[in-house]
PDB file of all heavy atoms in Angstrom:
ATOM      1  N   SER A   1     -40.850  31.594-182.521  1.00  0.00           N
ATOM      2  CA  SER A   1     -41.362  32.953-182.722  1.00  0.00           C
ATOM      3  C   SER A   1     -42.643  33.157-181.912  1.00  0.00           C
ATOM      4  O   SER A   1     -43.321  32.198-181.530  1.00  0.00           O
ATOM      5  CB  SER A   1     -41.639  33.208-184.199  1.00  0.00           C
ATOM      6  OG  SER A   1     -42.824  32.535-184.603  1.00  0.00           O
ATOM      7  N   ALA A   2     -42.977  34.405-181.695  1.00  0.00           N
ATOM      8  CA  ALA A   2     -44.220  34.733-180.985  1.00  0.00           C
ATOM      9  C   ALA A   2     -45.431  34.216-181.758  1.00  0.00           C
ATOM     10  O   ALA A   2     -46.404  33.750-181.160  1.00  0.00           O
ATOM     11  CB  ALA A   2     -44.319  36.239-180.763  1.00  0.00           C
ATOM     12  N   ASP A   3     -45.374  34.278-183.093  1.00  0.00           N
ATOM     13  CA  ASP A   3     -46.483  33.765-183.909  1.00  0.00           C
ATOM     14  C   ASP A   3     -46.620  32.261-183.749  1.00  0.00           C
ATOM     15  O   ASP A   3     -47.737  31.744-183.612  1.00  0.00           O
ATOM     16  CB  ASP A   3     -46.275  34.106-185.386  1.00  0.00           C
ATOM     17  CG  ASP A   3     -46.534  35.565-185.703  1.00  0.00           C
ATOM     18  OD1 ASP A   3     -47.208  36.254-184.898  1.00  0.00           O
ATOM     19  OD2 ASP A   3     -46.075  36.016-186.764  1.00  0.00           O
ATOM     20  N   ASP A   4     -45.493  31.536-183.785  1.00  0.00           N
ATOM     21  CA  ASP A   4     -45.543  30.089-183.602  1.00  0.00           C
ATOM     22  C   ASP A   4     -46.099  29.731-182.227  1.00  0.00           C
ATOM     23  O   ASP A   4     -46.919  28.821-182.094  1.00  0.00           O
ATOM     24  CB  ASP A   4     -44.157  29.463-183.767  1.00  0.00           C
ATOM     25  CG  ASP A   4     -43.695  29.407-185.200  1.00  0.00           C
ATOM     26  OD1 ASP A   4     -44.540  29.339-186.110  1.00  0.00           O
ATOM     27  OD2 ASP A   4     -42.464  29.431-185.422  1.00  0.00           O
ATOM     28  N   GLU A   5     -45.656  30.455-181.211  1.00  0.00           N
ATOM     29  CA  GLU A   5     -46.146  30.195-179.857  1.00  0.00           C
ATOM     30  C   GLU A   5     -47.653  30.432-179.773  1.00  0.00           C
ATOM     31  O   GLU A   5     -48.385  29.626-179.190  1.00  0.00           O
ATOM     32  CB  GLU A   5     -45.420  31.076-178.850  1.00  0.00           C
ATOM     33  CG  GLU A   5     -45.830  30.784-177.423  1.00  0.00           C
ATOM     34  CD  GLU A   5     -45.062  31.585-176.399  1.00  0.00           C
ATOM     35  OE1 GLU A   5     -44.116  32.316-176.760  1.00  0.00           O
ATOM     36  OE2 GLU A   5     -45.420  31.482-175.205  1.00  0.00           O
ATOM     37  N   ALA A   6     -48.135  31.509-180.368  1.00  0.00           N
ATOM     38  CA  ALA A   6     -49.571  31.814-180.341  1.00  0.00           C
ATOM     39  C   ALA A   6     -50.367  30.731-181.061  1.00  0.00           C
ATOM     40  O   ALA A   6     -51.443  30.333-180.594  1.00  0.00           O
ATOM     41  CB  ALA A   6     -49.827  33.172-180.979  1.00  0.00           C
ATOM     42  N   ARG A   7     -49.861  30.248-182.163  1.00  0.00           N
ATOM     43  CA  ARG A   7     -50.579  29.217-182.931  1.00  0.00           C
ATOM     44  C   ARG A   7     -50.586  27.895-182.179  1.00  0.00           C
ATOM     45  O   ARG A   7     -51.592  27.169-182.190  1.00  0.00           O
ATOM     46  CB  ARG A   7     -49.970  29.096-184.314  1.00  0.00           C
ATOM     47  CG  ARG A   7     -50.239  30.352-185.133  1.00  0.00           C
ATOM     48  CD  ARG A   7     -49.402  30.446-186.362  1.00  0.00           C
ATOM     49  NE  ARG A   7     -49.688  31.724-187.048  1.00  0.00           N
ATOM     50  CZ  ARG A   7     -48.895  32.259-187.943  1.00  0.00           C
ATOM     51  NH1 ARG A   7     -47.774  31.662-188.300  1.00  0.00           N
ATOM     52  NH2 ARG A   7     -49.220  33.397-188.511  1.00  0.00           N
ATOM     53  N   LEU A   8     -49.487  27.576-181.516  1.00  0.00           N
ATOM     54  CA  LEU A   8     -49.450  26.356-180.725  1.00  0.00           C
ATOM     55  C   LEU A   8     -50.380  26.469-179.519  1.00  0.00           C
ATOM     56  O   LEU A   8     -51.089  25.511-179.183  1.00  0.00           O
ATOM     57  CB  LEU A   8     -48.024  26.039-180.281  1.00  0.00           C
ATOM     58  CG  LEU A   8     -47.849  24.713-179.557  1.00  0.00           C
ATOM     59  CD1 LEU A   8     -48.414  23.544-180.366  1.00  0.00           C
ATOM     60  CD2 LEU A   8     -46.384  24.478-179.243  1.00  0.00           C
ATOM     61  N   LEU A   9     -50.417  27.626-178.891  1.00  0.00           N
ATOM     62  CA  LEU A   9     -51.350  27.824-177.775  1.00  0.00           C
ATOM     63  C   LEU A   9     -52.799  27.704-178.247  1.00  0.00           C
ATOM     64  O   LEU A   9     -53.657  27.196-177.515  1.00  0.00           O
ATOM     65  CB  LEU A   9     -51.100  29.169-177.098  1.00  0.00           C
ATOM     66  CG  LEU A   9     -49.818  29.248-176.273  1.00  0.00           C
ATOM     67  CD1 LEU A   9     -49.576  30.668-175.787  1.00  0.00           C
ATOM     68  CD2 LEU A   9     -49.861  28.274-175.101  1.00  0.00           C
ATOM     69  N   ARG A  10     -53.086  28.152-179.461  1.00  0.00           N
ATOM     70  CA  ARG A  10     -54.429  27.981-180.020  1.00  0.00           C
ATOM     71  C   ARG A  10     -54.731  26.491-180.212  1.00  0.00           C
ATOM     72  O   ARG A  10     -55.840  26.035-179.919  1.00  0.00           O
ATOM     73  CB  ARG A  10     -54.560  28.750-181.349  1.00  0.00           C
ATOM     74  CG  ARG A  10     -55.856  28.528-182.075  1.00  0.00           C
ATOM     75  CD  ARG A  10     -57.059  29.055-181.297  1.00  0.00           C
ATOM     76  NE  ARG A  10     -58.275  28.753-182.024  1.00  0.00           N
ATOM     77  CZ  ARG A  10     -59.462  28.583-181.467  1.00  0.00           C
ATOM     78  NH1 ARG A  10     -59.622  28.721-180.164  1.00  0.00           N
ATOM     79  NH2 ARG A  10     -60.512  28.298-182.195  1.00  0.00           N
ATOM     80  N   ALA A  11     -53.748  25.733-180.675  1.00  0.00           N
ATOM     81  CA  ALA A  11     -53.934  24.288-180.838  1.00  0.00           C
ATOM     82  C   ALA A  11     -54.212  23.628-179.486  1.00  0.00           C
ATOM     83  O   ALA A  11     -55.070  22.747-179.385  1.00  0.00           O
ATOM     84  CB  ALA A  11     -52.704  23.667-181.505  1.00  0.00           C
ATOM     85  N   VAL A  12     -53.523  24.059-178.452  1.00  0.00           N
ATOM     86  CA  VAL A  12     -53.764  23.527-177.109  1.00  0.00           C
ATOM     87  C   VAL A  12     -55.189  23.864-176.657  1.00  0.00           C
ATOM     88  O   VAL A  12     -55.892  23.020-176.098  1.00  0.00           O
ATOM     89  CB  VAL A  12     -52.715  24.063-176.110  1.00  0.00           C
ATOM     90  CG1 VAL A  12     -53.090  23.716-174.671  1.00  0.00           C
ATOM     91  CG2 VAL A  12     -51.339  23.512-176.448  1.00  0.00           C
ATOM     92  N   ALA A  13     -55.625  25.082-176.921  1.00  0.00           N
ATOM     93  CA  ALA A  13     -56.992  25.478-176.559  1.00  0.00           C
ATOM     94  C   ALA A  13     -58.018  24.631-177.307  1.00  0.00           C
ATOM     95  O   ALA A  13     -59.024  24.202-176.726  1.00  0.00           O
ATOM     96  CB  ALA A  13     -57.209  26.960-176.845  1.00  0.00           C
ATOM     97  N   LEU A  14     -57.769  24.373-178.574  1.00  0.00           N
ATOM     98  CA  LEU A  14     -58.671  23.519-179.346  1.00  0.00           C
ATOM     99  C   LEU A  14     -58.714  22.112-178.762  1.00  0.00           C
ATOM    100  O   LEU A  14     -59.780  21.490-178.694  1.00  0.00           O
ATOM    101  CB  LEU A  14     -58.229  23.464-180.813  1.00  0.00           C
ATOM    102  CG  LEU A  14     -58.479  24.722-181.629  1.00  0.00           C
ATOM    103  CD1 LEU A  14     -57.671  24.687-182.914  1.00  0.00           C
ATOM    104  CD2 LEU A  14     -59.961  24.879-181.927  1.00  0.00           C
ATOM    105  N   ALA A  15     -57.561  21.608-178.341  1.00  0.00           N
ATOM    106  CA  ALA A  15     -57.503  20.266-177.743  1.00  0.00           C
ATOM    107  C   ALA A  15     -58.410  20.180-176.527  1.00  0.00           C
ATOM    108  O   ALA A  15     -59.014  19.136-176.267  1.00  0.00           O
ATOM    109  CB  ALA A  15     -56.072  19.920-177.367  1.00  0.00           C
ATOM    110  N   GLY A  16     -58.531  21.277-175.798  1.00  0.00           N
ATOM    111  CA  GLY A  16     -59.399  21.298-174.623  1.00  0.00           C
ATOM    112  C   GLY A  16     -60.851  21.009-174.950  1.00  0.00           C
ATOM    113  O   GLY A  16     -61.600  20.533-174.104  1.00  0.00           O
ATOM    114  N   GLN A  17     -61.240  21.247-176.195  1.00  0.00           N
ATOM    115  CA  GLN A  17     -62.630  20.989-176.598  1.00  0.00           C
ATOM    116  C   GLN A  17     -62.935  19.498-176.722  1.00  0.00           C
ATOM    117  O   GLN A  17     -64.096  19.106-176.808  1.00  0.00           O
ATOM    118  CB  GLN A  17     -62.938  21.694-177.913  1.00  0.00           C
ATOM    119  CG  GLN A  17     -62.903  23.200-177.781  1.00  0.00           C
ATOM    120  CD  GLN A  17     -63.255  23.895-179.068  1.00  0.00           C
ATOM    121  OE1 GLN A  17     -64.234  23.540-179.728  1.00  0.00           O
ATOM    122  NE2 GLN A  17     -62.469  24.888-179.432  1.00  0.00           N
ATOM    123  N   SER A  18     -61.885  18.662-176.734  1.00  0.00           N
ATOM    124  CA  SER A  18     -62.121  17.231-176.860  1.00  0.00           C
ATOM    125  C   SER A  18     -62.087  16.507-175.512  1.00  0.00           C
ATOM    126  O   SER A  18     -62.236  15.288-175.469  1.00  0.00           O
ATOM    127  CB  SER A  18     -61.106  16.603-177.829  1.00  0.00           C
ATOM    128  OG  SER A  18     -59.796  16.710-177.335  1.00  0.00           O
ATOM    129  N   VAL A  19     -61.933  17.255-174.428  1.00  0.00           N
ATOM    130  CA  VAL A  19     -61.958  16.638-173.099  1.00  0.00           C
ATOM    131  C   VAL A  19     -63.312  15.966-172.899  1.00  0.00           C
ATOM    132  O   VAL A  19     -64.363  16.580-173.111  1.00  0.00           O
ATOM    133  CB  VAL A  19     -61.701  17.687-171.990  1.00  0.00           C
ATOM    134  CG1 VAL A  19     -61.958  17.089-170.612  1.00  0.00           C
ATOM    135  CG2 VAL A  19     -60.280  18.224-172.086  1.00  0.00           C
ATOM    136  N   GLY A  20     -63.270  14.686-172.535  1.00  0.00           N
ATOM    137  CA  GLY A  20     -64.491  13.912-172.333  1.00  0.00           C
ATOM    138  C   GLY A  20     -65.090  13.383-173.618  1.00  0.00           C
ATOM    139  O   GLY A  20     -66.040  12.617-173.592  1.00  0.00           O
ATOM    140  N   LEU A  21     -64.554  13.791-174.755  1.00  0.00           N
ATOM    141  CA  LEU A  21     -65.060  13.369-176.055  1.00  0.00           C
ATOM    142  C   LEU A  21     -64.173  12.291-176.665  1.00  0.00           C
ATOM    143  O   LEU A  21     -64.674  11.328-177.238  1.00  0.00           O
ATOM    144  CB  LEU A  21     -65.130  14.575-177.004  1.00  0.00           C
ATOM    145  CG  LEU A  21     -65.534  14.328-178.453  1.00  0.00           C
ATOM    146  CD1 LEU A  21     -66.986  13.846-178.520  1.00  0.00           C
ATOM    147  CD2 LEU A  21     -65.367  15.604-179.267  1.00  0.00           C
ATOM    148  N   SER A  22     -62.864  12.447-176.527  1.00  0.00           N
ATOM    149  CA  SER A  22     -61.929  11.602-177.264  1.00  0.00           C
ATOM    150  C   SER A  22     -61.413  10.401-176.487  1.00  0.00           C
ATOM    151  O   SER A  22     -60.681   9.579-177.052  1.00  0.00           O
ATOM    152  CB  SER A  22     -60.731  12.439-177.733  1.00  0.00           C
ATOM    153  OG  SER A  22     -59.997  12.908-176.617  1.00  0.00           O
ATOM    154  N   ASP A  23     -61.743  10.281-175.213  1.00  0.00           N
ATOM    155  CA  ASP A  23     -61.211   9.180-174.405  1.00  0.00           C
ATOM    156  C   ASP A  23     -61.535   7.831-175.031  1.00  0.00           C
ATOM    157  O   ASP A  23     -62.644   7.655-175.531  1.00  0.00           O
ATOM    158  CB  ASP A  23     -61.789   9.235-172.992  1.00  0.00           C
ATOM    159  CG  ASP A  23     -61.322  10.451-172.222  1.00  0.00           C
ATOM    160  OD1 ASP A  23     -60.251  10.975-172.557  1.00  0.00           O
ATOM    161  OD2 ASP A  23     -62.033  10.869-171.295  1.00  0.00           O
ATOM    162  N   PRO A  24     -60.607   6.896-175.096  1.00  0.00           N
ATOM    163  CA  PRO A  24     -59.287   6.898-174.472  1.00  0.00           C
ATOM    164  C   PRO A  24     -58.193   7.520-175.353  1.00  0.00           C
ATOM    165  O   PRO A  24     -57.020   7.469-174.997  1.00  0.00           O
ATOM    166  CB  PRO A  24     -59.002   5.418-174.260  1.00  0.00           C
ATOM    167  CG  PRO A  24     -59.632   4.771-175.456  1.00  0.00           C
ATOM    168  CD  PRO A  24     -60.883   5.604-175.728  1.00  0.00           C
ATOM    169  N   ASN A  25     -58.557   8.093-176.486  1.00  0.00           N
ATOM    170  CA  ASN A  25     -57.567   8.741-177.338  1.00  0.00           C
ATOM    171  C   ASN A  25     -57.094  10.041-176.698  1.00  0.00           C
ATOM    172  O   ASN A  25     -57.830  10.658-175.925  1.00  0.00           O
ATOM    173  CB  ASN A  25     -58.161   9.046-178.722  1.00  0.00           C
ATOM    174  CG  ASN A  25     -58.455   7.798-179.512  1.00  0.00           C
ATOM    175  OD1 ASN A  25     -57.934   6.728-179.235  1.00  0.00           O
ATOM    176  ND2 ASN A  25     -59.314   7.917-180.504  1.00  0.00           N
ATOM    177  N   PRO A  26     -55.879  10.474-177.039  1.00  0.00           N
ATOM    178  CA  PRO A  26     -55.388  11.744-176.487  1.00  0.00           C
ATOM    179  C   PRO A  26     -56.171  12.925-177.031  1.00  0.00           C
ATOM    180  O   PRO A  26     -56.770  12.861-178.107  1.00  0.00           O
ATOM    181  CB  PRO A  26     -53.930  11.794-176.951  1.00  0.00           C
ATOM    182  CG  PRO A  26     -53.867  10.899-178.132  1.00  0.00           C
ATOM    183  CD  PRO A  26     -54.913   9.847-177.935  1.00  0.00           C
ATOM    184  N   ARG A  27     -56.161  14.008-176.291  1.00  0.00           N
ATOM    185  CA  ARG A  27     -56.793  15.247-176.712  1.00  0.00           C
ATOM    186  C   ARG A  27     -55.770  16.046-177.511  1.00  0.00           C
ATOM    187  O   ARG A  27     -54.707  16.385-177.000  1.00  0.00           O
ATOM    188  CB  ARG A  27     -57.276  16.017-175.479  1.00  0.00           C
ATOM    189  CG  ARG A  27     -58.441  15.272-174.814  1.00  0.00           C
ATOM    190  CD  ARG A  27     -58.656  15.649-173.372  1.00  0.00           C
ATOM    191  NE  ARG A  27     -57.610  15.230-172.461  1.00  0.00           N
ATOM    192  CZ  ARG A  27     -57.442  13.979-172.013  1.00  0.00           C
ATOM    193  NH1 ARG A  27     -58.245  13.016-172.410  1.00  0.00           N
ATOM    194  NH2 ARG A  27     -56.482  13.689-171.175  1.00  0.00           N
ATOM    195  N   VAL A  28     -56.087  16.308-178.756  1.00  0.00           N
ATOM    196  CA  VAL A  28     -55.154  16.970-179.658  1.00  0.00           C
ATOM    197  C   VAL A  28     -55.876  18.081-180.412  1.00  0.00           C
ATOM    198  O   VAL A  28     -57.035  17.928-180.795  1.00  0.00           O
ATOM    199  CB  VAL A  28     -54.569  15.960-180.680  1.00  0.00           C
ATOM    200  CG1 VAL A  28     -53.612  16.635-181.646  1.00  0.00           C
ATOM    201  CG2 VAL A  28     -53.876  14.805-179.959  1.00  0.00           C
ATOM    202  N   GLY A  29     -55.176  19.199-180.611  1.00  0.00           N
ATOM    203  CA  GLY A  29     -55.691  20.296-181.415  1.00  0.00           C
ATOM    204  C   GLY A  29     -54.747  20.567-182.567  1.00  0.00           C
ATOM    205  O   GLY A  29     -53.552  20.267-182.496  1.00  0.00           O
ATOM    206  N   CYS A  30     -55.265  21.134-183.648  1.00  0.00           N
ATOM    207  CA  CYS A  30     -54.463  21.411-184.828  1.00  0.00           C
ATOM    208  C   CYS A  30     -54.879  22.741-185.452  1.00  0.00           C
ATOM    209  O   CYS A  30     -56.065  23.009-185.613  1.00  0.00           O
ATOM    210  CB  CYS A  30     -54.637  20.286-185.847  1.00  0.00           C
ATOM    211  SG  CYS A  30     -53.698  20.516-187.372  1.00  0.00           S
ATOM    212  N   VAL A  31     -53.888  23.548-185.788  1.00  0.00           N
ATOM    213  CA  VAL A  31     -54.083  24.814-186.492  1.00  0.00           C
ATOM    214  C   VAL A  31     -53.264  24.732-187.768  1.00  0.00           C
ATOM    215  O   VAL A  31     -52.080  24.392-187.723  1.00  0.00           O
ATOM    216  CB  VAL A  31     -53.605  26.008-185.630  1.00  0.00           C
ATOM    217  CG1 VAL A  31     -53.684  27.302-186.414  1.00  0.00           C
ATOM    218  CG2 VAL A  31     -54.418  26.095-184.352  1.00  0.00           C
ATOM    219  N   MET A  32     -53.886  25.007-188.902  1.00  0.00           N
ATOM    220  CA  MET A  32     -53.191  24.977-190.187  1.00  0.00           C
ATOM    221  C   MET A  32     -53.266  26.332-190.867  1.00  0.00           C
ATOM    222  O   MET A  32     -54.329  26.940-190.907  1.00  0.00           O
ATOM    223  CB  MET A  32     -53.808  23.931-191.113  1.00  0.00           C
ATOM    224  CG  MET A  32     -53.600  22.533-190.667  1.00  0.00           C
ATOM    225  SD  MET A  32     -54.193  21.374-191.909  1.00  0.00           S
ATOM    226  CE  MET A  32     -53.620  19.851-191.178  1.00  0.00           C
ATOM    227  N   HIS A  33     -52.128  26.765-191.364  1.00  0.00           N
ATOM    228  CA  HIS A  33     -52.043  28.000-192.144  1.00  0.00           C
ATOM    229  C   HIS A  33     -51.607  27.646-193.550  1.00  0.00           C
ATOM    230  O   HIS A  33     -50.853  26.682-193.749  1.00  0.00           O
ATOM    231  CB  HIS A  33     -51.045  28.974-191.530  1.00  0.00           C
ATOM    232  CG  HIS A  33     -51.593  29.709-190.359  1.00  0.00           C
ATOM    233  ND1 HIS A  33     -51.537  31.068-190.252  1.00  0.00           N
ATOM    234  CD2 HIS A  33     -52.228  29.290-189.234  1.00  0.00           C
ATOM    235  CE1 HIS A  33     -52.106  31.451-189.117  1.00  0.00           C
ATOM    236  NE2 HIS A  33     -52.527  30.389-188.479  1.00  0.00           N
ATOM    237  N   GLY A  34     -52.071  28.391-194.524  1.00  0.00           N
ATOM    238  CA  GLY A  34     -51.670  28.194-195.905  1.00  0.00           C
ATOM    239  C   GLY A  34     -50.289  28.763-196.155  1.00  0.00           C
ATOM    240  O   GLY A  34     -49.682  29.381-195.276  1.00  0.00           O
ATOM    241  N   ALA A  35     -49.792  28.582-197.360  1.00  0.00           N
ATOM    242  CA  ALA A  35     -48.480  29.096-197.738  1.00  0.00           C
ATOM    243  C   ALA A  35     -48.410  30.612-197.597  1.00  0.00           C
ATOM    244  O   ALA A  35     -47.328  31.170-197.407  1.00  0.00           O
ATOM    245  CB  ALA A  35     -48.139  28.669-199.159  1.00  0.00           C
ATOM    246  N   ASP A  36     -49.564  31.272-197.661  1.00  0.00           N
ATOM    247  CA  ASP A  36     -49.611  32.736-197.522  1.00  0.00           C
ATOM    248  C   ASP A  36     -49.525  33.192-196.065  1.00  0.00           C
ATOM    249  O   ASP A  36     -49.525  34.376-195.774  1.00  0.00           O
ATOM    250  CB  ASP A  36     -50.876  33.299-198.165  1.00  0.00           C
ATOM    251  CG  ASP A  36     -52.166  32.788-197.516  1.00  0.00           C
ATOM    252  OD1 ASP A  36     -52.103  31.998-196.536  1.00  0.00           O
ATOM    253  OD2 ASP A  36     -53.246  33.160-197.998  1.00  0.00           O
ATOM    254  N   GLY A  37     -49.469  32.221-195.127  1.00  0.00           N
ATOM    255  CA  GLY A  37     -49.360  32.545-193.712  1.00  0.00           C
ATOM    256  C   GLY A  37     -50.671  32.819-193.021  1.00  0.00           C
ATOM    257  O   GLY A  37     -50.706  33.077-191.823  1.00  0.00           O
ATOM    258  N   ARG A  38     -51.769  32.731-193.762  1.00  0.00           N
ATOM    259  CA  ARG A  38     -53.094  33.001-193.183  1.00  0.00           C
ATOM    260  C   ARG A  38     -53.739  31.707-192.694  1.00  0.00           C
ATOM    261  O   ARG A  38     -53.501  30.632-193.236  1.00  0.00           O
ATOM    262  CB  ARG A  38     -53.980  33.682-194.214  1.00  0.00           C
ATOM    263  CG  ARG A  38     -53.416  35.059-194.603  1.00  0.00           C
ATOM    264  CD  ARG A  38     -54.195  35.710-195.687  1.00  0.00           C
ATOM    265  NE  ARG A  38     -55.538  35.994-195.199  1.00  0.00           N
ATOM    266  CZ  ARG A  38     -56.511  36.476-195.945  1.00  0.00           C
ATOM    267  NH1 ARG A  38     -56.305  36.723-197.220  1.00  0.00           N
ATOM    268  NH2 ARG A  38     -57.704  36.709-195.433  1.00  0.00           N
ATOM    269  N   LEU A  39     -54.597  31.845-191.681  1.00  0.00           N
ATOM    270  CA  LEU A  39     -55.302  30.694-191.138  1.00  0.00           C
ATOM    271  C   LEU A  39     -56.094  30.002-192.236  1.00  0.00           C
ATOM    272  O   LEU A  39     -56.843  30.636-192.983  1.00  0.00           O
ATOM    273  CB  LEU A  39     -56.259  31.134-190.020  1.00  0.00           C
ATOM    274  CG  LEU A  39     -57.115  30.038-189.407  1.00  0.00           C
ATOM    275  CD1 LEU A  39     -56.253  29.022-188.679  1.00  0.00           C
ATOM    276  CD2 LEU A  39     -58.151  30.633-188.470  1.00  0.00           C
ATOM    277  N   ALA A  40     -55.933  28.674-192.319  1.00  0.00           N
ATOM    278  CA  ALA A  40     -56.679  27.892-193.306  1.00  0.00           C
ATOM    279  C   ALA A  40     -57.727  27.017-192.625  1.00  0.00           C
ATOM    280  O   ALA A  40     -58.856  26.920-193.091  1.00  0.00           O
ATOM    281  CB  ALA A  40     -55.720  27.034-194.132  1.00  0.00           C
ATOM    282  N   GLY A  41     -57.361  26.373-191.513  1.00  0.00           N
ATOM    283  CA  GLY A  41     -58.310  25.496-190.844  1.00  0.00           C
ATOM    284  C   GLY A  41     -57.873  25.147-189.443  1.00  0.00           C
ATOM    285  O   GLY A  41     -56.692  25.251-189.101  1.00  0.00           O
ATOM    286  N   GLU A  42     -58.835  24.737-188.628  1.00  0.00           N
ATOM    287  CA  GLU A  42     -58.589  24.327-187.249  1.00  0.00           C
ATOM    288  C   GLU A  42     -59.425  23.089-186.954  1.00  0.00           C
ATOM    289  O   GLU A  42     -60.472  22.885-187.568  1.00  0.00           O
ATOM    290  CB  GLU A  42     -59.018  25.406-186.264  1.00  0.00           C
ATOM    291  CG  GLU A  42     -58.298  26.710-186.381  1.00  0.00           C
ATOM    292  CD  GLU A  42     -58.758  27.719-185.344  1.00  0.00           C
ATOM    293  OE1 GLU A  42     -59.964  27.721-184.986  1.00  0.00           O
ATOM    294  OE2 GLU A  42     -57.913  28.494-184.900  1.00  0.00           O
TER     295      GLU A  42
END
């Protein structure tokens, strides 16, 4: 869905914030929504 794609793209953008921080670990972002569908945490 367009919503899923947008949330995954947000996770990718968040992962970009760990460039140079997380090495040698991978750069990963996470977006969590509650059961109500609203943003809960990033």
